[in-house]
């Protein structure tokens, strides 16, 4: 199978990178950090006008009519640029919530399982799973107006490590009124597989992680090629070379996994993609921080923002433990090679 991008896909990715460079430059990101995050309505409308949220809606519904692989490319660029706000939930709700496709509404999601809700204070709607704790086509509720106000009234702000992502923990309920603890849908062997919306949410979040991992790799290489110590570029030191090589070695397998999962939509491949992308984003940001040294924590550097954002994304939609459970379930029971009982049954 050929996973090379088509000319149209390359143009789409390049156009998105140019757009974000124009509407969300470093000054605008720093301004968002200073105000403590939240949804930038002007930015949201600019993204809506560019088709970011309506990318996968059919053309007759006012969308662009593209697919999940193209959405992955856009979210990869969003992760690279540290674009803030509930991007994934608003994208998934483009056909459900009025104004979401155009960027006039910001939509967040309550994932259940006691997880905090991101950007609840600035959201116009919240997706909750009625009665099951799972985001599926059936049972999905969209809370707006008084329903959203009642939901938000049960929320307690949680201080986030990332000033661009305000969090709220909902007290006394896991995913809204009438919702139980989060669990996977289905029965029998399929119990470990999440519903369609949650799968797509996990994949698009993995794409953001991939973009961040790619960017921190570039930042590390650029810094290693310009910073001098003891009269030599630090990129000439073997330890720094190994760190940069390790970053690349984590990023490219994650890229292959994310792109493949976007094509197949397979739950197991999505779980593997999220697992690899989370590891690449978090560990690459740590290694990039080590290469930058103390300056990586300063206001002038973006490294610490990538690390904080990677930590938060790793806990969204599909955690490492949940992804590992899906992969283990797909392997099936381990059988002994030479008789006797298996160590795992």
C-alpha atoms as a PDB file:
ATOM      1  CA  UNK A   1       0.000   0.000   0.000  1.00  0.00           C
ATOM      2  CA  UNK A   2       1.343   3.407  -0.987  1.00  0.00           C
ATOM      3  CA  UNK A   3       1.124   5.987   1.793  1.00  0.00           C
ATOM      4  CA  UNK A   4       2.791   8.778  -0.154  1.00  0.00           C
ATOM      5  CA  UNK A   5       0.739  11.957  -0.048  1.00  0.00           C
ATOM      6  CA  UNK A   6      -0.976  13.045  -3.234  1.00  0.00           C
ATOM      7  CA  UNK A   7      -0.318  16.466  -4.729  1.00  0.00           C
ATOM      8  CA  UNK A   8      -3.677  17.678  -3.409  1.00  0.00           C
ATOM      9  CA  UNK A   9      -2.878  16.440   0.083  1.00  0.00           C
ATOM     10  CA  UNK A  10       0.521  18.141   0.038  1.00  0.00           C
ATOM     11  CA  UNK A  11      -1.133  21.364  -1.088  1.00  0.00           C
ATOM     12  CA  UNK A  12      -3.725  21.046   1.684  1.00  0.00           C
ATOM     13  CA  UNK A  13      -1.047  20.575   4.339  1.00  0.00           C
ATOM     14  CA  UNK A  14       1.068  23.414   2.965  1.00  0.00           C
ATOM     15  CA  UNK A  15      -1.926  25.728   2.810  1.00  0.00           C
ATOM     16  CA  UNK A  16      -2.841  24.941   6.414  1.00  0.00           C
ATOM     17  CA  UNK A  17       0.713  25.627   7.570  1.00  0.00           C
ATOM     18  CA  UNK A  18       0.704  28.968   5.749  1.00  0.00           C
ATOM     19  CA  UNK A  19      -2.698  29.859   7.215  1.00  0.00           C
ATOM     20  CA  UNK A  20      -1.634  29.092  10.779  1.00  0.00           C
ATOM     21  CA  UNK A  21       1.572  31.032  10.259  1.00  0.00           C
ATOM     22  CA  UNK A  22      -0.545  34.036   9.321  1.00  0.00           C
ATOM     23  CA  UNK A  23      -3.405  33.823  11.852  1.00  0.00           C
ATOM     24  CA  UNK A  24      -1.635  32.202  14.816  1.00  0.00           C
ATOM     25  CA  UNK A  25       1.910  33.432  14.917  1.00  0.00           C
ATOM     26  CA  UNK A  26       4.128  33.428  17.995  1.00  0.00           C
ATOM     27  CA  UNK A  27       2.860  36.795  19.200  1.00  0.00           C
ATOM     28  CA  UNK A  28      -0.736  35.596  19.141  1.00  0.00           C
ATOM     29  CA  UNK A  29       0.211  32.414  20.973  1.00  0.00           C
ATOM     30  CA  UNK A  30       2.045  34.402  23.653  1.00  0.00           C
ATOM     31  CA  UNK A  31      -1.008  36.634  24.039  1.00  0.00           C
ATOM     32  CA  UNK A  32      -3.147  33.535  24.593  1.00  0.00           C
ATOM     33  CA  UNK A  33      -0.719  32.311  27.264  1.00  0.00           C
ATOM     34  CA  UNK A  34      -0.832  35.664  29.033  1.00  0.00           C
ATOM     35  CA  UNK A  35      -4.626  35.690  29.227  1.00  0.00           C
ATOM     36  CA  UNK A  36      -4.680  32.129  30.567  1.00  0.00           C
ATOM     37  CA  UNK A  37      -6.023  30.310  27.536  1.00  0.00           C
ATOM     38  CA  UNK A  38      -9.642  29.991  26.486  1.00  0.00           C
ATOM     39  CA  UNK A  39     -11.290  29.989  23.080  1.00  0.00           C
ATOM     40  CA  UNK A  40     -10.168  32.808  20.784  1.00  0.00           C
ATOM     41  CA  UNK A  41     -13.400  33.563  18.905  1.00  0.00           C
ATOM     42  CA  UNK A  42     -11.653  35.459  16.149  1.00  0.00           C
ATOM     43  CA  UNK A  43      -9.280  32.566  15.527  1.00  0.00           C
ATOM     44  CA  UNK A  44     -12.193  30.108  15.659  1.00  0.00           C
ATOM     45  CA  UNK A  45     -14.051  31.998  12.939  1.00  0.00           C
ATOM     46  CA  UNK A  46     -10.915  32.176  10.787  1.00  0.00           C
ATOM     47  CA  UNK A  47     -10.510  28.405  11.073  1.00  0.00           C
ATOM     48  CA  UNK A  48     -14.181  27.940  10.231  1.00  0.00           C
ATOM     49  CA  UNK A  49     -13.884  30.144   7.162  1.00  0.00           C
ATOM     50  CA  UNK A  50     -10.921  28.051   6.007  1.00  0.00           C
ATOM     51  CA  UNK A  51     -12.982  24.844   6.245  1.00  0.00           C
ATOM     52  CA  UNK A  52     -11.073  23.373   9.171  1.00  0.00           C
ATOM     53  CA  UNK A  53     -14.183  22.191  11.025  1.00  0.00           C
ATOM     54  CA  UNK A  54     -16.344  21.412   7.969  1.00  0.00           C
ATOM     55  CA  UNK A  55     -13.598  19.490   6.168  1.00  0.00           C
ATOM     56  CA  UNK A  56     -15.424  16.143   6.262  1.00  0.00           C
ATOM     57  CA  UNK A  57     -18.969  17.366   5.854  1.00  0.00           C
ATOM     58  CA  UNK A  58     -20.432  16.606   2.400  1.00  0.00           C
ATOM     59  CA  UNK A  59     -20.440  19.463  -0.071  1.00  0.00           C
ATOM     60  CA  UNK A  60     -24.237  19.525  -0.207  1.00  0.00           C
ATOM     61  CA  UNK A  61     -24.184  20.235   3.544  1.00  0.00           C
ATOM     62  CA  UNK A  62     -21.773  23.131   3.097  1.00  0.00           C
ATOM     63  CA  UNK A  63     -18.645  21.134   3.816  1.00  0.00           C
ATOM     64  CA  UNK A  64     -15.462  20.412   1.899  1.00  0.00           C
ATOM     65  CA  UNK A  65     -16.232  16.739   1.289  1.00  0.00           C
ATOM     66  CA  UNK A  66     -12.827  15.320   2.193  1.00  0.00           C
ATOM     67  CA  UNK A  67     -12.017  12.349   4.415  1.00  0.00           C
ATOM     68  CA  UNK A  68     -10.259  11.288   7.588  1.00  0.00           C
ATOM     69  CA  UNK A  69      -6.752  11.157   6.008  1.00  0.00           C
ATOM     70  CA  UNK A  70      -7.050  14.818   5.051  1.00  0.00           C
ATOM     71  CA  UNK A  71      -8.338  15.711   8.514  1.00  0.00           C
ATOM     72  CA  UNK A  72      -5.281  14.021  10.015  1.00  0.00           C
ATOM     73  CA  UNK A  73      -3.015  16.259   7.944  1.00  0.00           C
ATOM     74  CA  UNK A  74      -4.755  19.397   9.211  1.00  0.00           C
ATOM     75  CA  UNK A  75      -4.637  18.299  12.837  1.00  0.00           C
ATOM     76  CA  UNK A  76      -0.976  17.415  12.457  1.00  0.00           C
ATOM     77  CA  UNK A  77      -0.360  21.043  11.490  1.00  0.00           C
ATOM     78  CA  UNK A  78      -2.519  22.229  14.391  1.00  0.00           C
ATOM     79  CA  UNK A  79      -0.367  20.234  16.807  1.00  0.00           C
ATOM     80  CA  UNK A  80       2.777  21.573  15.245  1.00  0.00           C
ATOM     81  CA  UNK A  81       1.563  25.151  15.794  1.00  0.00           C
ATOM     82  CA  UNK A  82       0.250  24.515  19.351  1.00  0.00           C
ATOM     83  CA  UNK A  83      -3.180  25.668  18.215  1.00  0.00           C
ATOM     84  CA  UNK A  84      -5.360  25.944  21.351  1.00  0.00           C
ATOM     85  CA  UNK A  85      -8.997  25.160  22.055  1.00  0.00           C
ATOM     86  CA  UNK A  86     -11.327  22.135  21.700  1.00  0.00           C
ATOM     87  CA  UNK A  87     -10.425  21.566  18.056  1.00  0.00           C
ATOM     88  CA  UNK A  88     -11.186  17.851  17.930  1.00  0.00           C
ATOM     89  CA  UNK A  89     -14.615  18.046  19.554  1.00  0.00           C
ATOM     90  CA  UNK A  90     -15.690  21.011  17.411  1.00  0.00           C
ATOM     91  CA  UNK A  91     -14.546  19.209  14.270  1.00  0.00           C
ATOM     92  CA  UNK A  92     -16.465  16.065  15.242  1.00  0.00           C
ATOM     93  CA  UNK A  93     -19.565  18.115  16.091  1.00  0.00           C
ATOM     94  CA  UNK A  94     -19.587  20.054  12.808  1.00  0.00           C
ATOM     95  CA  UNK A  95     -22.690  18.196  11.634  1.00  0.00           C
ATOM     96  CA  UNK A  96     -24.365  18.118  15.060  1.00  0.00           C
ATOM     97  CA  UNK A  97     -24.127  21.612  16.524  1.00  0.00           C
ATOM     98  CA  UNK A  98     -25.353  24.722  14.759  1.00  0.00           C
ATOM     99  CA  UNK A  99     -22.491  27.069  13.938  1.00  0.00           C
ATOM    100  CA  UNK A 100     -19.703  24.582  14.660  1.00  0.00           C
ATOM    101  CA  UNK A 101     -18.850  24.036  11.005  1.00  0.00           C
ATOM    102  CA  UNK A 102     -18.467  27.784  10.447  1.00  0.00           C
ATOM    103  CA  UNK A 103     -16.446  28.358  13.615  1.00  0.00           C
ATOM    104  CA  UNK A 104     -19.271  30.336  15.214  1.00  0.00           C
ATOM    105  CA  UNK A 105     -19.626  27.759  18.003  1.00  0.00           C
ATOM    106  CA  UNK A 106     -16.986  26.057  20.132  1.00  0.00           C
ATOM    107  CA  UNK A 107     -17.820  22.521  21.247  1.00  0.00           C
ATOM    108  CA  UNK A 108     -16.095  20.498  23.944  1.00  0.00           C
ATOM    109  CA  UNK A 109     -16.615  16.915  25.083  1.00  0.00           C
ATOM    110  CA  UNK A 110     -17.141  15.117  28.391  1.00  0.00           C
ATOM    111  CA  UNK A 111     -15.306  11.842  27.979  1.00  0.00           C
ATOM    112  CA  UNK A 112     -16.446  10.306  31.258  1.00  0.00           C
ATOM    113  CA  UNK A 113     -14.316   8.192  33.554  1.00  0.00           C
ATOM    114  CA  UNK A 114     -13.754  11.143  35.857  1.00  0.00           C
ATOM    115  CA  UNK A 115     -11.676  13.017  33.291  1.00  0.00           C
ATOM    116  CA  UNK A 116     -11.692  16.816  33.361  1.00  0.00           C
ATOM    117  CA  UNK A 117     -13.523  18.667  30.596  1.00  0.00           C
ATOM    118  CA  UNK A 118     -11.334  21.006  28.573  1.00  0.00           C
ATOM    119  CA  UNK A 119     -12.406  24.564  27.724  1.00  0.00           C
ATOM    120  CA  UNK A 120     -15.831  24.128  29.316  1.00  0.00           C
ATOM    121  CA  UNK A 121     -15.978  27.768  30.359  1.00  0.00           C
ATOM    122  CA  UNK A 122     -15.743  29.019  26.775  1.00  0.00           C
ATOM    123  CA  UNK A 123     -17.828  26.330  25.065  1.00  0.00           C
ATOM    124  CA  UNK A 124     -21.202  26.846  23.408  1.00  0.00           C
ATOM    125  CA  UNK A 125     -22.052  23.142  23.594  1.00  0.00           C
ATOM    126  CA  UNK A 126     -20.746  19.974  25.183  1.00  0.00           C
ATOM    127  CA  UNK A 127     -21.016  16.445  23.846  1.00  0.00           C
ATOM    128  CA  UNK A 128     -21.969  13.863  26.464  1.00  0.00           C
ATOM    129  CA  UNK A 129     -22.929  10.236  26.146  1.00  0.00           C
ATOM    130  CA  UNK A 130     -26.393   9.648  27.504  1.00  0.00           C
ATOM    131  CA  UNK A 131     -26.496   6.647  29.791  1.00  0.00           C
ATOM    132  CA  UNK A 132     -23.463   4.751  28.517  1.00  0.00           C
ATOM    133  CA  UNK A 133     -20.440   6.925  29.126  1.00  0.00           C
ATOM    134  CA  UNK A 134     -19.326   6.246  25.555  1.00  0.00           C
ATOM    135  CA  UNK A 135     -19.369   8.558  22.556  1.00  0.00           C
ATOM    136  CA  UNK A 136     -21.340   6.701  19.888  1.00  0.00           C
ATOM    137  CA  UNK A 137     -23.780   7.608  17.171  1.00  0.00           C
ATOM    138  CA  UNK A 138     -26.609   6.385  19.412  1.00  0.00           C
ATOM    139  CA  UNK A 139     -27.156   7.903  22.837  1.00  0.00           C
ATOM    140  CA  UNK A 140     -25.006  10.947  22.118  1.00  0.00           C
ATOM    141  CA  UNK A 141     -26.380  14.127  23.641  1.00  0.00           C
ATOM    142  CA  UNK A 142     -25.510  17.697  22.706  1.00  0.00           C
ATOM    143  CA  UNK A 143     -26.027  20.040  25.628  1.00  0.00           C
ATOM    144  CA  UNK A 144     -26.606  23.692  24.790  1.00  0.00           C
ATOM    145  CA  UNK A 145     -28.389  26.571  26.481  1.00  0.00           C
ATOM    146  CA  UNK A 146     -29.847  25.641  29.864  1.00  0.00           C
ATOM    147  CA  UNK A 147     -28.551  22.081  29.562  1.00  0.00           C
ATOM    148  CA  UNK A 148     -25.009  23.370  29.151  1.00  0.00           C
ATOM    149  CA  UNK A 149     -25.451  25.828  32.022  1.00  0.00           C
ATOM    150  CA  UNK A 150     -26.663  23.048  34.315  1.00  0.00           C
ATOM    151  CA  UNK A 151     -23.745  20.849  33.293  1.00  0.00           C
ATOM    152  CA  UNK A 152     -21.216  23.621  33.821  1.00  0.00           C
ATOM    153  CA  UNK A 153     -22.767  24.449  37.205  1.00  0.00           C
ATOM    154  CA  UNK A 154     -21.468  21.104  38.460  1.00  0.00           C
ATOM    155  CA  UNK A 155     -17.924  21.829  37.303  1.00  0.00           C
ATOM    156  CA  UNK A 156     -14.992  22.815  39.480  1.00  0.00           C
ATOM    157  CA  UNK A 157     -12.045  24.525  37.714  1.00  0.00           C
ATOM    158  CA  UNK A 158      -8.869  22.466  37.710  1.00  0.00           C
ATOM    159  CA  UNK A 159      -5.578  24.257  37.285  1.00  0.00           C
ATOM    160  CA  UNK A 160      -4.004  23.036  34.087  1.00  0.00           C
ATOM    161  CA  UNK A 161      -0.289  22.620  33.453  1.00  0.00           C
ATOM    162  CA  UNK A 162      -0.989  24.220  30.082  1.00  0.00           C
ATOM    163  CA  UNK A 163      -2.277  27.820  30.276  1.00  0.00           C
ATOM    164  CA  UNK A 164      -3.781  27.419  26.801  1.00  0.00           C
ATOM    165  CA  UNK A 165      -6.107  24.608  27.946  1.00  0.00           C
ATOM    166  CA  UNK A 166      -8.401  25.479  30.875  1.00  0.00           C
ATOM    167  CA  UNK A 167      -9.823  22.358  32.532  1.00  0.00           C
ATOM    168  CA  UNK A 168     -12.947  21.716  34.613  1.00  0.00           C
ATOM    169  CA  UNK A 169     -13.744  18.632  36.636  1.00  0.00           C
ATOM    170  CA  UNK A 170     -17.413  17.731  36.793  1.00  0.00           C
ATOM    171  CA  UNK A 171     -18.369  16.787  40.334  1.00  0.00           C
ATOM    172  CA  UNK A 172     -20.725  13.938  41.113  1.00  0.00           C
ATOM    173  CA  UNK A 173     -21.019  12.615  37.570  1.00  0.00           C
ATOM    174  CA  UNK A 174     -18.655  11.276  34.982  1.00  0.00           C
ATOM    175  CA  UNK A 175     -20.159  12.514  31.723  1.00  0.00           C
ATOM    176  CA  UNK A 176     -23.232  14.552  32.465  1.00  0.00           C
ATOM    177  CA  UNK A 177     -26.714  13.890  33.739  1.00  0.00           C
ATOM    178  CA  UNK A 178     -27.676  10.238  33.644  1.00  0.00           C
ATOM    179  CA  UNK A 179     -24.285   9.088  32.408  1.00  0.00           C
ATOM    180  CA  UNK A 180     -22.403   6.274  34.064  1.00  0.00           C
ATOM    181  CA  UNK A 181     -18.696   5.662  34.347  1.00  0.00           C
ATOM    182  CA  UNK A 182     -16.930   5.544  30.987  1.00  0.00           C
ATOM    183  CA  UNK A 183     -16.696   2.100  29.418  1.00  0.00           C
ATOM    184  CA  UNK A 184     -16.163   0.677  25.948  1.00  0.00           C
ATOM    185  CA  UNK A 185     -19.203  -0.157  23.860  1.00  0.00           C
ATOM    186  CA  UNK A 186     -20.110  -3.533  22.418  1.00  0.00           C
ATOM    187  CA  UNK A 187     -20.179  -7.046  23.744  1.00  0.00           C
ATOM    188  CA  UNK A 188     -17.875 -10.038  23.855  1.00  0.00           C
ATOM    189  CA  UNK A 189     -14.601  -9.601  22.008  1.00  0.00           C
ATOM    190  CA  UNK A 190     -15.528  -6.075  20.899  1.00  0.00           C
ATOM    191  CA  UNK A 191     -15.918  -4.680  24.435  1.00  0.00           C
ATOM    192  CA  UNK A 192     -12.450  -3.162  24.275  1.00  0.00           C
ATOM    193  CA  UNK A 193     -13.186  -1.131  21.151  1.00  0.00           C
ATOM    194  CA  UNK A 194     -14.425   2.450  21.469  1.00  0.00           C
ATOM    195  CA  UNK A 195     -17.283   3.919  19.476  1.00  0.00           C
ATOM    196  CA  UNK A 196     -16.791   5.655  16.150  1.00  0.00           C
ATOM    197  CA  UNK A 197     -16.620   9.199  17.489  1.00  0.00           C
ATOM    198  CA  UNK A 198     -14.188   8.248  20.208  1.00  0.00           C
ATOM    199  CA  UNK A 199     -12.005   6.401  17.725  1.00  0.00           C
ATOM    200  CA  UNK A 200     -11.885   9.433  15.463  1.00  0.00           C
ATOM    201  CA  UNK A 201     -11.224  11.708  18.430  1.00  0.00           C
ATOM    202  CA  UNK A 202      -8.309   9.528  19.470  1.00  0.00           C
ATOM    203  CA  UNK A 203      -6.873   9.496  15.940  1.00  0.00           C
ATOM    204  CA  UNK A 204      -7.125  13.260  15.461  1.00  0.00           C
ATOM    205  CA  UNK A 205      -5.502  13.788  18.852  1.00  0.00           C
ATOM    206  CA  UNK A 206      -2.744  11.392  17.797  1.00  0.00           C
ATOM    207  CA  UNK A 207      -2.266  13.547  14.694  1.00  0.00           C
ATOM    208  CA  UNK A 208      -1.812  16.615  16.917  1.00  0.00           C
ATOM    209  CA  UNK A 209       0.761  14.673  18.934  1.00  0.00           C
ATOM    210  CA  UNK A 210       2.559  13.730  15.722  1.00  0.00           C
ATOM    211  CA  UNK A 211       2.746  17.378  14.674  1.00  0.00           C
ATOM    212  CA  UNK A 212       4.179  18.326  18.056  1.00  0.00           C
ATOM    213  CA  UNK A 213       6.734  15.496  17.931  1.00  0.00           C
ATOM    214  CA  UNK A 214       7.835  16.607  14.464  1.00  0.00           C
ATOM    215  CA  UNK A 215       8.183  20.219  15.549  1.00  0.00           C
ATOM    216  CA  UNK A 216      10.207  19.471  18.688  1.00  0.00           C
ATOM    217  CA  UNK A 217      12.546  17.307  16.608  1.00  0.00           C
ATOM    218  CA  UNK A 218      13.112  20.234  14.257  1.00  0.00           C
ATOM    219  CA  UNK A 219      13.622  22.616  17.182  1.00  0.00           C
ATOM    220  CA  UNK A 220      16.198  20.299  18.757  1.00  0.00           C
ATOM    221  CA  UNK A 221      18.170  19.939  15.532  1.00  0.00           C
ATOM    222  CA  UNK A 222      18.079  23.687  14.878  1.00  0.00           C
ATOM    223  CA  UNK A 223      19.286  24.483  18.386  1.00  0.00           C
ATOM    224  CA  UNK A 224      22.004  21.824  18.256  1.00  0.00           C
ATOM    225  CA  UNK A 225      23.261  23.356  15.016  1.00  0.00           C
ATOM    226  CA  UNK A 226      23.522  26.884  16.395  1.00  0.00           C
ATOM    227  CA  UNK A 227      24.378  26.611  20.110  1.00  0.00           C
ATOM    228  CA  UNK A 228      28.066  26.491  21.044  1.00  0.00           C
ATOM    229  CA  UNK A 229      29.730  25.156  24.167  1.00  0.00           C
ATOM    230  CA  UNK A 230      33.455  24.844  24.795  1.00  0.00           C
ATOM    231  CA  UNK A 231      34.100  26.332  21.374  1.00  0.00           C
ATOM    232  CA  UNK A 232      32.067  23.682  19.494  1.00  0.00           C
ATOM    233  CA  UNK A 233      28.506  23.306  18.309  1.00  0.00           C
ATOM    234  CA  UNK A 234      26.611  21.089  20.732  1.00  0.00           C
ATOM    235  CA  UNK A 235      25.371  19.133  17.717  1.00  0.00           C
ATOM    236  CA  UNK A 236      28.876  17.723  17.386  1.00  0.00           C
ATOM    237  CA  UNK A 237      28.592  16.035  20.807  1.00  0.00           C
ATOM    238  CA  UNK A 238      27.726  12.358  20.613  1.00  0.00           C
ATOM    239  CA  UNK A 239      25.133  12.514  23.384  1.00  0.00           C
ATOM    240  CA  UNK A 240      23.222  15.269  21.588  1.00  0.00           C
ATOM    241  CA  UNK A 241      23.429  13.394  18.271  1.00  0.00           C
ATOM    242  CA  UNK A 242      21.903  10.334  19.940  1.00  0.00           C
ATOM    243  CA  UNK A 243      19.051  12.365  21.426  1.00  0.00           C
ATOM    244  CA  UNK A 244      18.187  13.865  18.039  1.00  0.00           C
ATOM    245  CA  UNK A 245      18.390  10.464  16.358  1.00  0.00           C
ATOM    246  CA  UNK A 246      16.109   8.952  18.997  1.00  0.00           C
ATOM    247  CA  UNK A 247      13.571  11.721  18.433  1.00  0.00           C
ATOM    248  CA  UNK A 248      13.461  10.994  14.714  1.00  0.00           C
ATOM    249  CA  UNK A 249      13.264   7.247  15.379  1.00  0.00           C
ATOM    250  CA  UNK A 250      10.156   7.798  17.514  1.00  0.00           C
ATOM    251  CA  UNK A 251       8.491  10.284  15.159  1.00  0.00           C
ATOM    252  CA  UNK A 252       8.584   8.367  11.893  1.00  0.00           C
ATOM    253  CA  UNK A 253       7.018   5.088  13.154  1.00  0.00           C
ATOM    254  CA  UNK A 254       4.315   7.208  14.785  1.00  0.00           C
ATOM    255  CA  UNK A 255       3.745   8.991  11.471  1.00  0.00           C
ATOM    256  CA  UNK A 256       3.364   5.686   9.629  1.00  0.00           C
ATOM    257  CA  UNK A 257       0.940   4.394  12.269  1.00  0.00           C
ATOM    258  CA  UNK A 258      -1.191   7.561  12.257  1.00  0.00           C
ATOM    259  CA  UNK A 259      -1.388   7.744   8.458  1.00  0.00           C
ATOM    260  CA  UNK A 260      -2.210   4.026   8.166  1.00  0.00           C
ATOM    261  CA  UNK A 261      -4.945   4.244  10.811  1.00  0.00           C
ATOM    262  CA  UNK A 262      -6.445   7.232   8.975  1.00  0.00           C
ATOM    263  CA  UNK A 263      -6.782   5.096   5.852  1.00  0.00           C
ATOM    264  CA  UNK A 264      -8.126   1.931   7.476  1.00  0.00           C
ATOM    265  CA  UNK A 265     -10.093   3.370  10.405  1.00  0.00           C
ATOM    266  CA  UNK A 266      -9.354   0.123  12.238  1.00  0.00           C
ATOM    267  CA  UNK A 267      -9.820   0.406  16.052  1.00  0.00           C
ATOM    268  CA  UNK A 268      -6.684  -1.587  16.810  1.00  0.00           C
ATOM    269  CA  UNK A 269      -4.562   0.478  14.435  1.00  0.00           C
ATOM    270  CA  UNK A 270      -5.968   3.683  15.929  1.00  0.00           C
ATOM    271  CA  UNK A 271      -5.040   2.452  19.415  1.00  0.00           C
ATOM    272  CA  UNK A 272      -1.499   1.697  18.227  1.00  0.00           C
ATOM    273  CA  UNK A 273      -1.253   5.092  16.529  1.00  0.00           C
ATOM    274  CA  UNK A 274      -2.357   6.945  19.665  1.00  0.00           C
ATOM    275  CA  UNK A 275       0.091   4.976  21.806  1.00  0.00           C
ATOM    276  CA  UNK A 276       3.047   5.671  19.503  1.00  0.00           C
ATOM    277  CA  UNK A 277       2.133   9.318  18.913  1.00  0.00           C
ATOM    278  CA  UNK A 278       1.716  10.013  22.644  1.00  0.00           C
ATOM    279  CA  UNK A 279       5.117   8.501  23.380  1.00  0.00           C
ATOM    280  CA  UNK A 280       6.762  10.433  20.544  1.00  0.00           C
ATOM    281  CA  UNK A 281       5.228  13.762  21.595  1.00  0.00           C
ATOM    282  CA  UNK A 282       6.044  13.461  25.302  1.00  0.00           C
ATOM    283  CA  UNK A 283       9.522  11.944  25.020  1.00  0.00           C
ATOM    284  CA  UNK A 284      10.552  14.188  22.131  1.00  0.00           C
ATOM    285  CA  UNK A 285       9.533  17.270  24.083  1.00  0.00           C
ATOM    286  CA  UNK A 286      11.565  16.035  27.062  1.00  0.00           C
ATOM    287  CA  UNK A 287      14.621  15.376  24.902  1.00  0.00           C
ATOM    288  CA  UNK A 288      14.217  18.735  23.170  1.00  0.00           C
ATOM    289  CA  UNK A 289      14.063  20.370  26.589  1.00  0.00           C
ATOM    290  CA  UNK A 290      17.256  18.603  27.612  1.00  0.00           C
ATOM    291  CA  UNK A 291      19.046  19.810  24.477  1.00  0.00           C
ATOM    292  CA  UNK A 292      17.897  23.387  25.113  1.00  0.00           C
ATOM    293  CA  UNK A 293      18.933  23.226  28.749  1.00  0.00           C
ATOM    294  CA  UNK A 294      17.629  25.839  31.168  1.00  0.00           C
ATOM    295  CA  UNK A 295      16.503  28.181  28.410  1.00  0.00           C
ATOM    296  CA  UNK A 296      13.896  25.598  27.373  1.00  0.00           C
ATOM    297  CA  UNK A 297      11.808  26.589  30.413  1.00  0.00           C
ATOM    298  CA  UNK A 298      11.915  30.302  29.646  1.00  0.00           C
ATOM    299  CA  UNK A 299       9.338  32.580  28.063  1.00  0.00           C
ATOM    300  CA  UNK A 300      11.440  32.876  24.904  1.00  0.00           C
ATOM    301  CA  UNK A 301      11.229  29.123  24.167  1.00  0.00           C
ATOM    302  CA  UNK A 302       8.226  27.047  23.074  1.00  0.00           C
ATOM    303  CA  UNK A 303       9.620  23.723  24.269  1.00  0.00           C
ATOM    304  CA  UNK A 304       7.897  23.668  27.641  1.00  0.00           C
ATOM    305  CA  UNK A 305       4.556  24.461  25.989  1.00  0.00           C
ATOM    306  CA  UNK A 306       4.918  21.445  23.706  1.00  0.00           C
ATOM    307  CA  UNK A 307       5.688  19.238  26.713  1.00  0.00           C
ATOM    308  CA  UNK A 308       2.688  20.468  28.724  1.00  0.00           C
ATOM    309  CA  UNK A 309       0.359  20.091  25.765  1.00  0.00           C
ATOM    310  CA  UNK A 310       1.695  16.588  25.015  1.00  0.00           C
ATOM    311  CA  UNK A 311       1.015  15.513  28.598  1.00  0.00           C
ATOM    312  CA  UNK A 312      -2.569  16.747  28.385  1.00  0.00           C
ATOM    313  CA  UNK A 313      -3.298  15.168  25.000  1.00  0.00           C
ATOM    314  CA  UNK A 314      -1.935  11.837  26.210  1.00  0.00           C
ATOM    315  CA  UNK A 315      -4.784  11.761  28.739  1.00  0.00           C
ATOM    316  CA  UNK A 316      -7.490  12.616  26.186  1.00  0.00           C
ATOM    317  CA  UNK A 317      -9.807  10.295  24.253  1.00  0.00           C
ATOM    318  CA  UNK A 318      -7.623   7.200  24.649  1.00  0.00           C
ATOM    319  CA  UNK A 319      -4.965   6.803  27.342  1.00  0.00           C
ATOM    320  CA  UNK A 320      -1.919   4.567  27.107  1.00  0.00           C
ATOM    321  CA  UNK A 321      -3.475   2.014  29.465  1.00  0.00           C
ATOM    322  CA  UNK A 322      -6.687   1.895  27.410  1.00  0.00           C
ATOM    323  CA  UNK A 323      -4.784   1.588  24.133  1.00  0.00           C
ATOM    324  CA  UNK A 324      -2.700  -1.246  25.579  1.00  0.00           C
ATOM    325  CA  UNK A 325      -5.884  -3.061  26.630  1.00  0.00           C
ATOM    326  CA  UNK A 326      -7.237  -2.812  23.076  1.00  0.00           C
ATOM    327  CA  UNK A 327      -3.993  -4.134  21.606  1.00  0.00           C
ATOM    328  CA  UNK A 328      -3.799  -6.960  24.163  1.00  0.00           C
ATOM    329  CA  UNK A 329      -7.408  -7.976  23.477  1.00  0.00           C
ATOM    330  CA  UNK A 330      -6.660  -8.156  19.758  1.00  0.00           C
ATOM    331  CA  UNK A 331      -3.779 -10.551  20.387  1.00  0.00           C
ATOM    332  CA  UNK A 332      -6.098 -13.062  22.046  1.00  0.00           C
ATOM    333  CA  UNK A 333      -5.028 -15.681  24.606  1.00  0.00           C
ATOM    334  CA  UNK A 334      -1.385 -16.712  24.765  1.00  0.00           C
ATOM    335  CA  UNK A 335      -1.039 -20.455  24.154  1.00  0.00           C
ATOM    336  CA  UNK A 336       1.841 -22.619  25.427  1.00  0.00           C
ATOM    337  CA  UNK A 337       4.356 -23.741  22.826  1.00  0.00           C
ATOM    338  CA  UNK A 338       5.280 -27.094  24.359  1.00  0.00           C
ATOM    339  CA  UNK A 339       2.311 -28.138  26.468  1.00  0.00           C
ATOM    340  CA  UNK A 340       1.572 -27.216  30.034  1.00  0.00           C
ATOM    341  CA  UNK A 341      -0.297 -24.095  31.030  1.00  0.00           C
ATOM    342  CA  UNK A 342       0.150 -20.680  29.502  1.00  0.00           C
ATOM    343  CA  UNK A 343       1.509 -17.838  31.568  1.00  0.00           C
ATOM    344  CA  UNK A 344      -1.337 -15.682  30.228  1.00  0.00           C
ATOM    345  CA  UNK A 345      -4.751 -17.107  29.421  1.00  0.00           C
END
